[in-house]
């Protein structure tokens, strides 16, 4: 189980040519934003090709749909933030999303069904 990495969300997704870089963030236990909320700080990057990223996005959408069927949609809504910046510059395109949750998430309630992903 040592190969697991915790993340609170995605900070930045950068596309350079045919490569996608996904930067994950975690809420800092010591650093704070101006409003007192924990600051989201870089913790890990995944680099993959565009095809792999698109397949991954499809899998994430499947997981979201499974969570919605389980009744977790209100929890997901607290983490849904609009894209805050899109830069279009050749050969780099960057999409930045807010990573700090809007409110603490409620725990998932256990149901008798398993989602269609490992």
PDB file of N, CA and C in Angstrom:
ATOM      1  N   UNK A   1       0.814  -1.196   0.000  1.00  0.00           N
ATOM      2  CA  UNK A   1       0.000   0.000   0.000  1.00  0.00           C
ATOM      3  C   UNK A   1       0.855   1.256   0.000  1.00  0.00           C
ATOM      4  N   UNK A   2       2.154   1.136  -0.097  1.00  0.00           N
ATOM      5  CA  UNK A   2       3.035   2.289  -0.072  1.00  0.00           C
ATOM      6  C   UNK A   2       3.009   3.106  -1.347  1.00  0.00           C
ATOM      7  N   UNK A   3       2.357   2.620  -2.400  1.00  0.00           N
ATOM      8  CA  UNK A   3       2.331   3.335  -3.672  1.00  0.00           C
ATOM      9  C   UNK A   3       1.202   4.344  -3.773  1.00  0.00           C
ATOM     10  N   UNK A   4       0.454   4.572  -2.703  1.00  0.00           N
ATOM     11  CA  UNK A   4      -0.658   5.505  -2.741  1.00  0.00           C
ATOM     12  C   UNK A   4      -0.195   6.907  -2.379  1.00  0.00           C
ATOM     13  N   UNK A   5      -0.794   7.893  -3.045  1.00  0.00           N
ATOM     14  CA  UNK A   5      -0.510   9.301  -2.774  1.00  0.00           C
ATOM     15  C   UNK A   5      -1.838   9.985  -2.521  1.00  0.00           C
ATOM     16  N   UNK A   6      -1.911  10.763  -1.441  1.00  0.00           N
ATOM     17  CA  UNK A   6      -3.136  11.496  -1.147  1.00  0.00           C
ATOM     18  C   UNK A   6      -3.105  12.850  -1.833  1.00  0.00           C
ATOM     19  N   UNK A   7      -4.262  13.281  -2.337  1.00  0.00           N
ATOM     20  CA  UNK A   7      -4.413  14.597  -2.941  1.00  0.00           C
ATOM     21  C   UNK A   7      -5.800  15.126  -2.611  1.00  0.00           C
ATOM     22  N   UNK A   8      -5.889  16.450  -2.389  1.00  0.00           N
ATOM     23  CA  UNK A   8      -7.191  17.073  -2.178  1.00  0.00           C
ATOM     24  C   UNK A   8      -7.843  17.479  -3.487  1.00  0.00           C
ATOM     25  N   UNK A   9      -7.090  17.455  -4.582  1.00  0.00           N
ATOM     26  CA  UNK A   9      -7.673  17.827  -5.864  1.00  0.00           C
ATOM     27  C   UNK A   9      -6.613  18.145  -6.896  1.00  0.00           C
ATOM     28  N   UNK A  10      -7.069  18.636  -8.021  1.00  0.00           N
ATOM     29  CA  UNK A  10      -6.196  19.020  -9.131  1.00  0.00           C
ATOM     30  C   UNK A  10      -6.004  20.524  -9.090  1.00  0.00           C
ATOM     31  N   UNK A  11      -4.754  20.950  -9.149  1.00  0.00           N
ATOM     32  CA  UNK A  11      -4.450  22.378  -9.169  1.00  0.00           C
ATOM     33  C   UNK A  11      -4.410  22.919 -10.574  1.00  0.00           C
ATOM     34  N   UNK A  12      -3.616  22.286 -11.437  1.00  0.00           N
ATOM     35  CA  UNK A  12      -3.434  22.771 -12.801  1.00  0.00           C
ATOM     36  C   UNK A  12      -3.331  21.605 -13.766  1.00  0.00           C
ATOM     37  N   UNK A  13      -3.935  21.762 -14.940  1.00  0.00           N
ATOM     38  CA  UNK A  13      -3.758  20.821 -16.044  1.00  0.00           C
ATOM     39  C   UNK A  13      -3.126  21.609 -17.177  1.00  0.00           C
ATOM     40  N   UNK A  14      -1.959  21.145 -17.627  1.00  0.00           N
ATOM     41  CA  UNK A  14      -1.242  21.850 -18.684  1.00  0.00           C
ATOM     42  C   UNK A  14      -1.061  20.928 -19.878  1.00  0.00           C
ATOM     43  N   UNK A  15      -1.386  21.411 -21.062  1.00  0.00           N
ATOM     44  CA  UNK A  15      -1.209  20.645 -22.290  1.00  0.00           C
ATOM     45  C   UNK A  15      -0.089  21.296 -23.096  1.00  0.00           C
ATOM     46  N   UNK A  16       0.949  20.513 -23.368  1.00  0.00           N
ATOM     47  CA  UNK A  16       2.060  20.977 -24.197  1.00  0.00           C
ATOM     48  C   UNK A  16       2.215  19.968 -25.317  1.00  0.00           C
ATOM     49  N   UNK A  17       1.863  20.377 -26.520  1.00  0.00           N
ATOM     50  CA  UNK A  17       1.906  19.453 -27.644  1.00  0.00           C
ATOM     51  C   UNK A  17       0.964  18.291 -27.405  1.00  0.00           C
ATOM     52  N   UNK A  18       1.521  17.055 -27.419  1.00  0.00           N
ATOM     53  CA  UNK A  18       0.719  15.852 -27.218  1.00  0.00           C
ATOM     54  C   UNK A  18       0.861  15.315 -25.794  1.00  0.00           C
ATOM     55  N   UNK A  19       1.340  16.152 -24.874  1.00  0.00           N
ATOM     56  CA  UNK A  19       1.558  15.730 -23.494  1.00  0.00           C
ATOM     57  C   UNK A  19       0.686  16.543 -22.543  1.00  0.00           C
ATOM     58  N   UNK A  20       0.055  15.861 -21.598  1.00  0.00           N
ATOM     59  CA  UNK A  20      -0.782  16.508 -20.598  1.00  0.00           C
ATOM     60  C   UNK A  20      -0.132  16.321 -19.234  1.00  0.00           C
ATOM     61  N   UNK A  21       0.010  17.412 -18.514  1.00  0.00           N
ATOM     62  CA  UNK A  21       0.544  17.376 -17.160  1.00  0.00           C
ATOM     63  C   UNK A  21      -0.580  17.741 -16.193  1.00  0.00           C
ATOM     64  N   UNK A  22      -0.841  16.852 -15.237  1.00  0.00           N
ATOM     65  CA  UNK A  22      -1.884  17.071 -14.245  1.00  0.00           C
ATOM     66  C   UNK A  22      -1.191  17.242 -12.902  1.00  0.00           C
ATOM     67  N   UNK A  23      -1.292  18.446 -12.338  1.00  0.00           N
ATOM     68  CA  UNK A  23      -0.674  18.749 -11.050  1.00  0.00           C
ATOM     69  C   UNK A  23      -1.709  18.593  -9.945  1.00  0.00           C
ATOM     70  N   UNK A  24      -1.402  17.707  -8.994  1.00  0.00           N
ATOM     71  CA  UNK A  24      -2.278  17.478  -7.857  1.00  0.00           C
ATOM     72  C   UNK A  24      -1.838  18.353  -6.694  1.00  0.00           C
ATOM     73  N   UNK A  25      -2.803  18.750  -5.870  1.00  0.00           N
ATOM     74  CA  UNK A  25      -2.525  19.612  -4.717  1.00  0.00           C
ATOM     75  C   UNK A  25      -3.087  18.972  -3.453  1.00  0.00           C
ATOM     76  N   UNK A  26      -2.520  19.383  -2.326  1.00  0.00           N
ATOM     77  CA  UNK A  26      -3.025  18.982  -1.013  1.00  0.00           C
ATOM     78  C   UNK A  26      -3.149  20.244  -0.175  1.00  0.00           C
ATOM     79  N   UNK A  27      -4.102  20.252   0.732  1.00  0.00           N
ATOM     80  CA  UNK A  27      -4.275  21.401   1.602  1.00  0.00           C
ATOM     81  C   UNK A  27      -3.167  21.402   2.645  1.00  0.00           C
ATOM     82  N   UNK A  28      -2.449  22.518   2.735  1.00  0.00           N
ATOM     83  CA  UNK A  28      -1.309  22.637   3.634  1.00  0.00           C
ATOM     84  C   UNK A  28      -1.757  22.683   5.090  1.00  0.00           C
ATOM     85  N   UNK A  29      -1.060  21.952   5.960  1.00  0.00           N
ATOM     86  CA  UNK A  29      -1.391  22.038   7.387  1.00  0.00           C
ATOM     87  C   UNK A  29      -0.853  23.320   8.036  1.00  0.00           C
ATOM     88  N   UNK A  30       0.066  24.026   7.341  1.00  0.00           N
ATOM     89  CA  UNK A  30       0.682  25.216   7.934  1.00  0.00           C
ATOM     90  C   UNK A  30       0.435  26.500   7.152  1.00  0.00           C
ATOM     91  N   UNK A  31       0.342  26.421   5.825  1.00  0.00           N
ATOM     92  CA  UNK A  31       0.157  27.627   5.013  1.00  0.00           C
ATOM     93  C   UNK A  31      -1.327  27.956   4.890  1.00  0.00           C
ATOM     94  N   UNK A  32      -1.643  29.263   4.947  1.00  0.00           N
ATOM     95  CA  UNK A  32      -3.035  29.727   4.877  1.00  0.00           C
ATOM     96  C   UNK A  32      -3.192  30.765   3.783  1.00  0.00           C
ATOM     97  N   UNK A  33      -4.390  30.799   3.182  1.00  0.00           N
ATOM     98  CA  UNK A  33      -4.766  31.840   2.239  1.00  0.00           C
ATOM     99  C   UNK A  33      -5.070  33.103   3.039  1.00  0.00           C
ATOM    100  N   UNK A  34      -5.281  34.220   2.357  1.00  0.00           N
ATOM    101  CA  UNK A  34      -5.590  35.483   3.029  1.00  0.00           C
ATOM    102  C   UNK A  34      -6.879  35.390   3.851  1.00  0.00           C
ATOM    103  N   UNK A  35      -7.820  34.538   3.414  1.00  0.00           N
ATOM    104  CA  UNK A  35      -9.095  34.406   4.127  1.00  0.00           C
ATOM    105  C   UNK A  35      -9.024  33.387   5.272  1.00  0.00           C
ATOM    106  N   UNK A  36      -7.835  32.835   5.535  1.00  0.00           N
ATOM    107  CA  UNK A  36      -7.666  31.901   6.635  1.00  0.00           C
ATOM    108  C   UNK A  36      -7.829  30.436   6.271  1.00  0.00           C
ATOM    109  N   UNK A  37      -8.286  30.161   5.060  1.00  0.00           N
ATOM    110  CA  UNK A  37      -8.453  28.777   4.620  1.00  0.00           C
ATOM    111  C   UNK A  37      -7.080  28.153   4.332  1.00  0.00           C
ATOM    112  N   UNK A  38      -6.952  26.836   4.498  1.00  0.00           N
ATOM    113  CA  UNK A  38      -5.682  26.188   4.160  1.00  0.00           C
ATOM    114  C   UNK A  38      -5.336  26.408   2.690  1.00  0.00           C
ATOM    115  N   UNK A  39      -4.057  26.621   2.420  1.00  0.00           N
ATOM    116  CA  UNK A  39      -3.582  26.869   1.061  1.00  0.00           C
ATOM    117  C   UNK A  39      -3.361  25.537   0.346  1.00  0.00           C
ATOM    118  N   UNK A  40      -3.800  25.452  -0.916  1.00  0.00           N
ATOM    119  CA  UNK A  40      -3.561  24.272  -1.735  1.00  0.00           C
ATOM    120  C   UNK A  40      -2.139  24.351  -2.287  1.00  0.00           C
ATOM    121  N   UNK A  41      -1.321  23.335  -1.995  1.00  0.00           N
ATOM    122  CA  UNK A  41       0.070  23.325  -2.432  1.00  0.00           C
ATOM    123  C   UNK A  41       0.337  22.090  -3.286  1.00  0.00           C
ATOM    124  N   UNK A  42       1.221  22.237  -4.258  1.00  0.00           N
ATOM    125  CA  UNK A  42       1.589  21.151  -5.165  1.00  0.00           C
ATOM    126  C   UNK A  42       2.094  19.950  -4.374  1.00  0.00           C
ATOM    127  N   UNK A  43       1.646  18.740  -4.769  1.00  0.00           N
ATOM    128  CA  UNK A  43       2.162  17.536  -4.112  1.00  0.00           C
ATOM    129  C   UNK A  43       2.616  16.458  -5.092  1.00  0.00           C
ATOM    130  N   UNK A  44       2.070  16.412  -6.301  1.00  0.00           N
ATOM    131  CA  UNK A  44       2.440  15.357  -7.243  1.00  0.00           C
ATOM    132  C   UNK A  44       1.997  15.735  -8.644  1.00  0.00           C
ATOM    133  N   UNK A  45       2.733  15.240  -9.656  1.00  0.00           N
ATOM    134  CA  UNK A  45       2.375  15.493 -11.058  1.00  0.00           C
ATOM    135  C   UNK A  45       2.296  14.167 -11.795  1.00  0.00           C
ATOM    136  N   UNK A  46       1.266  14.045 -12.635  1.00  0.00           N
ATOM    137  CA  UNK A  46       1.157  12.910 -13.549  1.00  0.00           C
ATOM    138  C   UNK A  46       1.295  13.468 -14.956  1.00  0.00           C
ATOM    139  N   UNK A  47       2.135  12.826 -15.751  1.00  0.00           N
ATOM    140  CA  UNK A  47       2.346  13.239 -17.141  1.00  0.00           C
ATOM    141  C   UNK A  47       1.906  12.081 -18.025  1.00  0.00           C
ATOM    142  N   UNK A  48       1.041  12.383 -18.995  1.00  0.00           N
ATOM    143  CA  UNK A  48       0.560  11.344 -19.911  1.00  0.00           C
ATOM    144  C   UNK A  48       0.276  11.941 -21.281  1.00  0.00           C
ATOM    145  N   UNK A  49       0.118  11.083 -22.249  1.00  0.00           N
ATOM    146  CA  UNK A  49      -0.253  11.521 -23.581  1.00  0.00           C
ATOM    147  C   UNK A  49      -1.710  11.958 -23.619  1.00  0.00           C
ATOM    148  N   UNK A  50      -2.064  12.685 -24.660  1.00  0.00           N
ATOM    149  CA  UNK A  50      -3.441  13.181 -24.800  1.00  0.00           C
ATOM    150  C   UNK A  50      -4.430  12.022 -24.837  1.00  0.00           C
ATOM    151  N   UNK A  51      -4.110  10.944 -25.572  1.00  0.00           N
ATOM    152  CA  UNK A  51      -5.025   9.801 -25.650  1.00  0.00           C
ATOM    153  C   UNK A  51      -5.271   9.196 -24.271  1.00  0.00           C
ATOM    154  N   UNK A  52      -4.212   9.006 -23.496  1.00  0.00           N
ATOM    155  CA  UNK A  52      -4.352   8.468 -22.140  1.00  0.00           C
ATOM    156  C   UNK A  52      -5.161   9.395 -21.254  1.00  0.00           C
ATOM    157  N   UNK A  53      -4.937  10.708 -21.397  1.00  0.00           N
ATOM    158  CA  UNK A  53      -5.689  11.677 -20.603  1.00  0.00           C
ATOM    159  C   UNK A  53      -7.173  11.614 -20.942  1.00  0.00           C
ATOM    160  N   UNK A  54      -7.504  11.520 -22.224  1.00  0.00           N
ATOM    161  CA  UNK A  54      -8.915  11.446 -22.623  1.00  0.00           C
ATOM    162  C   UNK A  54      -9.573  10.175 -22.113  1.00  0.00           C
ATOM    163  N   UNK A  55      -8.845   9.036 -22.146  1.00  0.00           N
ATOM    164  CA  UNK A  55      -9.392   7.794 -21.576  1.00  0.00           C
ATOM    165  C   UNK A  55      -9.589   7.951 -20.070  1.00  0.00           C
ATOM    166  N   UNK A  56      -8.640   8.608 -19.413  1.00  0.00           N
ATOM    167  CA  UNK A  56      -8.743   8.833 -17.968  1.00  0.00           C
ATOM    168  C   UNK A  56      -9.938   9.716 -17.644  1.00  0.00           C
ATOM    169  N   UNK A  57     -10.155  10.754 -18.440  1.00  0.00           N
ATOM    170  CA  UNK A  57     -11.289  11.650 -18.223  1.00  0.00           C
ATOM    171  C   UNK A  57     -12.597  10.879 -18.336  1.00  0.00           C
ATOM    172  N   UNK A  58     -12.655   9.928 -19.263  1.00  0.00           N
ATOM    173  CA  UNK A  58     -13.843   9.094 -19.419  1.00  0.00           C
ATOM    174  C   UNK A  58     -14.064   8.242 -18.167  1.00  0.00           C
ATOM    175  N   UNK A  59     -12.988   7.689 -17.609  1.00  0.00           N
ATOM    176  CA  UNK A  59     -13.096   6.884 -16.387  1.00  0.00           C
ATOM    177  C   UNK A  59     -13.543   7.740 -15.202  1.00  0.00           C
ATOM    178  N   UNK A  60     -13.036   8.962 -15.116  1.00  0.00           N
ATOM    179  CA  UNK A  60     -13.450   9.866 -14.037  1.00  0.00           C
ATOM    180  C   UNK A  60     -14.941  10.162 -14.163  1.00  0.00           C
ATOM    181  N   UNK A  61     -15.411  10.385 -15.385  1.00  0.00           N
ATOM    182  CA  UNK A  61     -16.838  10.647 -15.589  1.00  0.00           C
ATOM    183  C   UNK A  61     -17.677   9.447 -15.158  1.00  0.00           C
ATOM    184  N   UNK A  62     -17.200   8.218 -15.430  1.00  0.00           N
ATOM    185  CA  UNK A  62     -17.910   7.023 -14.983  1.00  0.00           C
ATOM    186  C   UNK A  62     -17.988   6.995 -13.455  1.00  0.00           C
ATOM    187  N   UNK A  63     -16.894   7.354 -12.798  1.00  0.00           N
ATOM    188  CA  UNK A  63     -16.875   7.368 -11.331  1.00  0.00           C
ATOM    189  C   UNK A  63     -17.833   8.418 -10.785  1.00  0.00           C
ATOM    190  N   UNK A  64     -17.878   9.582 -11.421  1.00  0.00           N
ATOM    191  CA  UNK A  64     -18.801  10.645 -10.994  1.00  0.00           C
ATOM    192  C   UNK A  64     -20.241  10.161 -11.113  1.00  0.00           C
ATOM    193  N   UNK A  65     -20.558   9.523 -12.220  1.00  0.00           N
ATOM    194  CA  UNK A  65     -21.919   9.015 -12.403  1.00  0.00           C
ATOM    195  C   UNK A  65     -22.260   7.965 -11.353  1.00  0.00           C
ATOM    196  N   UNK A  66     -21.302   7.082 -11.014  1.00  0.00           N
ATOM    197  CA  UNK A  66     -21.543   6.066  -9.991  1.00  0.00           C
ATOM    198  C   UNK A  66     -21.757   6.723  -8.633  1.00  0.00           C
ATOM    199  N   UNK A  67     -20.970   7.747  -8.312  1.00  0.00           N
ATOM    200  CA  UNK A  67     -21.130   8.459  -7.048  1.00  0.00           C
ATOM    201  C   UNK A  67     -22.469   9.180  -6.980  1.00  0.00           C
ATOM    202  N   UNK A  68     -22.902   9.731  -8.105  1.00  0.00           N
ATOM    203  CA  UNK A  68     -24.206  10.389  -8.130  1.00  0.00           C
ATOM    204  C   UNK A  68     -25.322   9.383  -7.875  1.00  0.00           C
ATOM    205  N   UNK A  69     -25.197   8.181  -8.442  1.00  0.00           N
ATOM    206  CA  UNK A  69     -26.198   7.143  -8.207  1.00  0.00           C
ATOM    207  C   UNK A  69     -26.214   6.716  -6.752  1.00  0.00           C
ATOM    208  N   UNK A  70     -25.059   6.807  -6.074  1.00  0.00           N
ATOM    209  CA  UNK A  70     -24.959   6.447  -4.660  1.00  0.00           C
ATOM    210  C   UNK A  70     -25.453   7.573  -3.757  1.00  0.00           C
ATOM    211  N   UNK A  71     -25.803   8.721  -4.348  1.00  0.00           N
ATOM    212  CA  UNK A  71     -26.283   9.846  -3.565  1.00  0.00           C
ATOM    213  C   UNK A  71     -25.195  10.775  -3.086  1.00  0.00           C
ATOM    214  N   UNK A  72     -24.027  10.723  -3.687  1.00  0.00           N
ATOM    215  CA  UNK A  72     -22.907  11.561  -3.262  1.00  0.00           C
ATOM    216  C   UNK A  72     -22.848  12.882  -4.023  1.00  0.00           C
ATOM    217  N   UNK A  73     -23.850  13.194  -4.830  1.00  0.00           N
ATOM    218  CA  UNK A  73     -23.824  14.423  -5.625  1.00  0.00           C
ATOM    219  C   UNK A  73     -23.677  15.679  -4.783  1.00  0.00           C
ATOM    220  N   UNK A  74     -24.335  15.814  -3.618  1.00  0.00           N
ATOM    221  CA  UNK A  74     -24.125  17.021  -2.814  1.00  0.00           C
ATOM    222  C   UNK A  74     -22.675  17.168  -2.376  1.00  0.00           C
ATOM    223  N   UNK A  75     -21.996  16.052  -2.069  1.00  0.00           N
ATOM    224  CA  UNK A  75     -20.588  16.120  -1.688  1.00  0.00           C
ATOM    225  C   UNK A  75     -19.754  16.626  -2.855  1.00  0.00           C
ATOM    226  N   UNK A  76     -20.026  16.135  -4.046  1.00  0.00           N
ATOM    227  CA  UNK A  76     -19.268  16.569  -5.206  1.00  0.00           C
ATOM    228  C   UNK A  76     -19.502  18.039  -5.499  1.00  0.00           C
ATOM    229  N   UNK A  77     -20.700  18.524  -5.235  1.00  0.00           N
ATOM    230  CA  UNK A  77     -21.003  19.920  -5.510  1.00  0.00           C
ATOM    231  C   UNK A  77     -20.115  20.847  -4.692  1.00  0.00           C
ATOM    232  N   UNK A  78     -19.715  20.445  -3.486  1.00  0.00           N
ATOM    233  CA  UNK A  78     -18.890  21.318  -2.653  1.00  0.00           C
ATOM    234  C   UNK A  78     -17.483  21.477  -3.215  1.00  0.00           C
ATOM    235  N   UNK A  79     -17.047  20.550  -4.067  1.00  0.00           N
ATOM    236  CA  UNK A  79     -15.727  20.644  -4.665  1.00  0.00           C
ATOM    237  C   UNK A  79     -15.778  21.164  -6.096  1.00  0.00           C
ATOM    238  N   UNK A  80     -16.962  21.384  -6.625  1.00  0.00           N
ATOM    239  CA  UNK A  80     -17.081  21.836  -8.008  1.00  0.00           C
ATOM    240  C   UNK A  80     -16.820  23.333  -8.080  1.00  0.00           C
ATOM    241  N   UNK A  81     -15.768  23.681  -8.749  1.00  0.00           N
ATOM    242  CA  UNK A  81     -15.409  25.082  -8.924  1.00  0.00           C
ATOM    243  C   UNK A  81     -15.259  25.322 -10.426  1.00  0.00           C
ATOM    244  N   UNK A  82     -15.647  26.471 -10.904  1.00  0.00           N
ATOM    245  CA  UNK A  82     -15.494  26.740 -12.330  1.00  0.00           C
ATOM    246  C   UNK A  82     -14.025  26.915 -12.697  1.00  0.00           C
ATOM    247  N   UNK A  83     -13.738  26.712 -13.955  1.00  0.00           N
ATOM    248  CA  UNK A  83     -12.388  26.984 -14.450  1.00  0.00           C
ATOM    249  C   UNK A  83     -12.126  28.466 -14.251  1.00  0.00           C
ATOM    250  N   UNK A  84     -10.991  28.801 -13.655  1.00  0.00           N
ATOM    251  CA  UNK A  84     -10.716  30.192 -13.349  1.00  0.00           C
ATOM    252  C   UNK A  84      -9.864  30.874 -14.417  1.00  0.00           C
ATOM    253  N   UNK A  85      -9.161  30.073 -15.223  1.00  0.00           N
ATOM    254  CA  UNK A  85      -8.305  30.691 -16.229  1.00  0.00           C
ATOM    255  C   UNK A  85      -8.032  29.684 -17.329  1.00  0.00           C
ATOM    256  N   UNK A  86      -8.130  30.124 -18.558  1.00  0.00           N
ATOM    257  CA  UNK A  86      -7.723  29.300 -19.697  1.00  0.00           C
ATOM    258  C   UNK A  86      -6.772  30.148 -20.532  1.00  0.00           C
ATOM    259  N   UNK A  87      -5.578  29.627 -20.751  1.00  0.00           N
ATOM    260  CA  UNK A  87      -4.607  30.337 -21.577  1.00  0.00           C
ATOM    261  C   UNK A  87      -4.440  29.579 -22.882  1.00  0.00           C
ATOM    262  N   UNK A  88      -4.530  30.280 -23.972  1.00  0.00           N
ATOM    263  CA  UNK A  88      -4.285  29.655 -25.257  1.00  0.00           C
ATOM    264  C   UNK A  88      -3.068  30.304 -25.866  1.00  0.00           C
ATOM    265  N   UNK A  89      -1.979  29.573 -25.806  1.00  0.00           N
ATOM    266  CA  UNK A  89      -0.729  30.041 -26.373  1.00  0.00           C
ATOM    267  C   UNK A  89      -0.046  28.848 -27.000  1.00  0.00           C
ATOM    268  N   UNK A  90       0.451  28.995 -28.199  1.00  0.00           N
ATOM    269  CA  UNK A  90       1.130  27.874 -28.846  1.00  0.00           C
ATOM    270  C   UNK A  90       2.550  27.807 -28.366  1.00  0.00           C
ATOM    271  N   UNK A  91       3.055  26.619 -28.063  1.00  0.00           N
ATOM    272  CA  UNK A  91       2.406  25.316 -28.094  1.00  0.00           C
ATOM    273  C   UNK A  91       1.795  24.924 -26.755  1.00  0.00           C
ATOM    274  N   UNK A  92       1.642  25.852 -25.825  1.00  0.00           N
ATOM    275  CA  UNK A  92       1.177  25.516 -24.482  1.00  0.00           C
ATOM    276  C   UNK A  92      -0.243  26.020 -24.265  1.00  0.00           C
ATOM    277  N   UNK A  93      -1.094  25.167 -23.726  1.00  0.00           N
ATOM    278  CA  UNK A  93      -2.412  25.575 -23.265  1.00  0.00           C
ATOM    279  C   UNK A  93      -2.521  25.145 -21.824  1.00  0.00           C
ATOM    280  N   UNK A  94      -2.903  26.037 -20.942  1.00  0.00           N
ATOM    281  CA  UNK A  94      -3.029  25.693 -19.528  1.00  0.00           C
ATOM    282  C   UNK A  94      -4.444  25.974 -19.059  1.00  0.00           C
ATOM    283  N   UNK A  95      -4.979  25.067 -18.284  1.00  0.00           N
ATOM    284  CA  UNK A  95      -6.284  25.242 -17.670  1.00  0.00           C
ATOM    285  C   UNK A  95      -6.056  25.188 -16.170  1.00  0.00           C
ATOM    286  N   UNK A  96      -6.460  26.222 -15.467  1.00  0.00           N
ATOM    287  CA  UNK A  96      -6.284  26.249 -14.019  1.00  0.00           C
ATOM    288  C   UNK A  96      -7.639  26.170 -13.360  1.00  0.00           C
ATOM    289  N   UNK A  97      -7.753  25.297 -12.386  1.00  0.00           N
ATOM    290  CA  UNK A  97      -8.996  25.172 -11.635  1.00  0.00           C
ATOM    291  C   UNK A  97      -8.707  25.406 -10.166  1.00  0.00           C
ATOM    292  N   UNK A  98      -9.702  25.886  -9.457  1.00  0.00           N
ATOM    293  CA  UNK A  98      -9.555  26.060  -8.011  1.00  0.00           C
ATOM    294  C   UNK A  98      -9.550  24.688  -7.369  1.00  0.00           C
ATOM    295  N   UNK A  99      -8.721  24.505  -6.364  1.00  0.00           N
ATOM    296  CA  UNK A  99      -8.591  23.191  -5.749  1.00  0.00           C
ATOM    297  C   UNK A  99      -9.091  23.160  -4.315  1.00  0.00           C
ATOM    298  N   UNK A 100      -9.344  24.300  -3.715  1.00  0.00           N
ATOM    299  CA  UNK A 100      -9.770  24.336  -2.322  1.00  0.00           C
ATOM    300  C   UNK A 100     -11.261  24.056  -2.233  1.00  0.00           C
ATOM    301  N   UNK A 101     -11.675  23.108  -1.408  1.00  0.00           N
ATOM    302  CA  UNK A 101     -13.101  22.815  -1.299  1.00  0.00           C
ATOM    303  C   UNK A 101     -13.863  23.995  -0.712  1.00  0.00           C
ATOM    304  N   UNK A 102     -15.098  24.159  -1.165  1.00  0.00           N
ATOM    305  CA  UNK A 102     -15.932  25.260  -0.694  1.00  0.00           C
ATOM    306  C   UNK A 102     -16.432  25.019   0.724  1.00  0.00           C
ATOM    307  N   UNK A 103     -16.641  23.768   1.072  1.00  0.00           N
ATOM    308  CA  UNK A 103     -17.154  23.420   2.400  1.00  0.00           C
ATOM    309  C   UNK A 103     -16.695  22.020   2.729  1.00  0.00           C
ATOM    310  N   UNK A 104     -16.643  21.668   4.004  1.00  0.00           N
ATOM    311  CA  UNK A 104     -16.260  20.303   4.351  1.00  0.00           C
ATOM    312  C   UNK A 104     -17.233  19.307   3.739  1.00  0.00           C
ATOM    313  N   UNK A 105     -16.685  18.202   3.277  1.00  0.00           N
ATOM    314  CA  UNK A 105     -17.511  17.190   2.640  1.00  0.00           C
ATOM    315  C   UNK A 105     -18.134  16.279   3.678  1.00  0.00           C
ATOM    316  N   UNK A 106     -19.367  15.891   3.421  1.00  0.00           N
ATOM    317  CA  UNK A 106     -20.038  14.929   4.296  1.00  0.00           C
ATOM    318  C   UNK A 106     -19.535  13.540   3.937  1.00  0.00           C
ATOM    319  N   UNK A 107     -19.433  12.631   4.895  1.00  0.00           N
ATOM    320  CA  UNK A 107     -18.956  11.288   4.577  1.00  0.00           C
ATOM    321  C   UNK A 107     -19.956  10.552   3.693  1.00  0.00           C
ATOM    322  N   UNK A 108     -19.420   9.661   2.860  1.00  0.00           N
ATOM    323  CA  UNK A 108     -20.284   8.852   2.009  1.00  0.00           C
ATOM    324  C   UNK A 108     -21.023   7.852   2.888  1.00  0.00           C
ATOM    325  N   UNK A 109     -22.259   7.613   2.547  1.00  0.00           N
ATOM    326  CA  UNK A 109     -23.017   6.612   3.269  1.00  0.00           C
ATOM    327  C   UNK A 109     -22.846   5.289   2.552  1.00  0.00           C
ATOM    328  N   UNK A 110     -22.620   4.239   3.320  1.00  0.00           N
ATOM    329  CA  UNK A 110     -22.386   2.932   2.739  1.00  0.00           C
ATOM    330  C   UNK A 110     -23.690   2.376   2.191  1.00  0.00           C
ATOM    331  N   UNK A 111     -23.612   1.880   0.964  1.00  0.00           N
ATOM    332  CA  UNK A 111     -24.764   1.226   0.351  1.00  0.00           C
ATOM    333  C   UNK A 111     -24.349  -0.185   0.005  1.00  0.00           C
ATOM    334  N   UNK A 112     -25.265  -0.978  -0.434  1.00  0.00           N
ATOM    335  CA  UNK A 112     -24.974  -2.366  -0.776  1.00  0.00           C
ATOM    336  C   UNK A 112     -24.364  -2.537  -2.142  1.00  0.00           C
ATOM    337  N   UNK A 113     -24.178  -1.461  -2.893  1.00  0.00           N
ATOM    338  CA  UNK A 113     -23.652  -1.583  -4.239  1.00  0.00           C
ATOM    339  C   UNK A 113     -22.212  -1.107  -4.304  1.00  0.00           C
ATOM    340  N   UNK A 114     -21.474  -1.636  -5.246  1.00  0.00           N
ATOM    341  CA  UNK A 114     -20.101  -1.218  -5.464  1.00  0.00           C
ATOM    342  C   UNK A 114     -20.048  -0.437  -6.767  1.00  0.00           C
ATOM    343  N   UNK A 115     -19.246   0.633  -6.828  1.00  0.00           N
ATOM    344  CA  UNK A 115     -19.114   1.383  -8.073  1.00  0.00           C
ATOM    345  C   UNK A 115     -18.394   0.547  -9.126  1.00  0.00           C
ATOM    346  N   UNK A 116     -18.571   0.881 -10.417  1.00  0.00           N
ATOM    347  CA  UNK A 116     -17.999   0.070 -11.496  1.00  0.00           C
ATOM    348  C   UNK A 116     -16.529   0.375 -11.748  1.00  0.00           C
ATOM    349  N   UNK A 117     -15.761   0.652 -10.717  1.00  0.00           N
ATOM    350  CA  UNK A 117     -14.333   0.907 -10.879  1.00  0.00           C
ATOM    351  C   UNK A 117     -13.610   0.333  -9.671  1.00  0.00           C
ATOM    352  N   UNK A 118     -12.313   0.001  -9.839  1.00  0.00           N
ATOM    353  CA  UNK A 118     -11.586  -0.608  -8.716  1.00  0.00           C
ATOM    354  C   UNK A 118     -11.311   0.356  -7.605  1.00  0.00           C
TER     355      UNK A 118
END
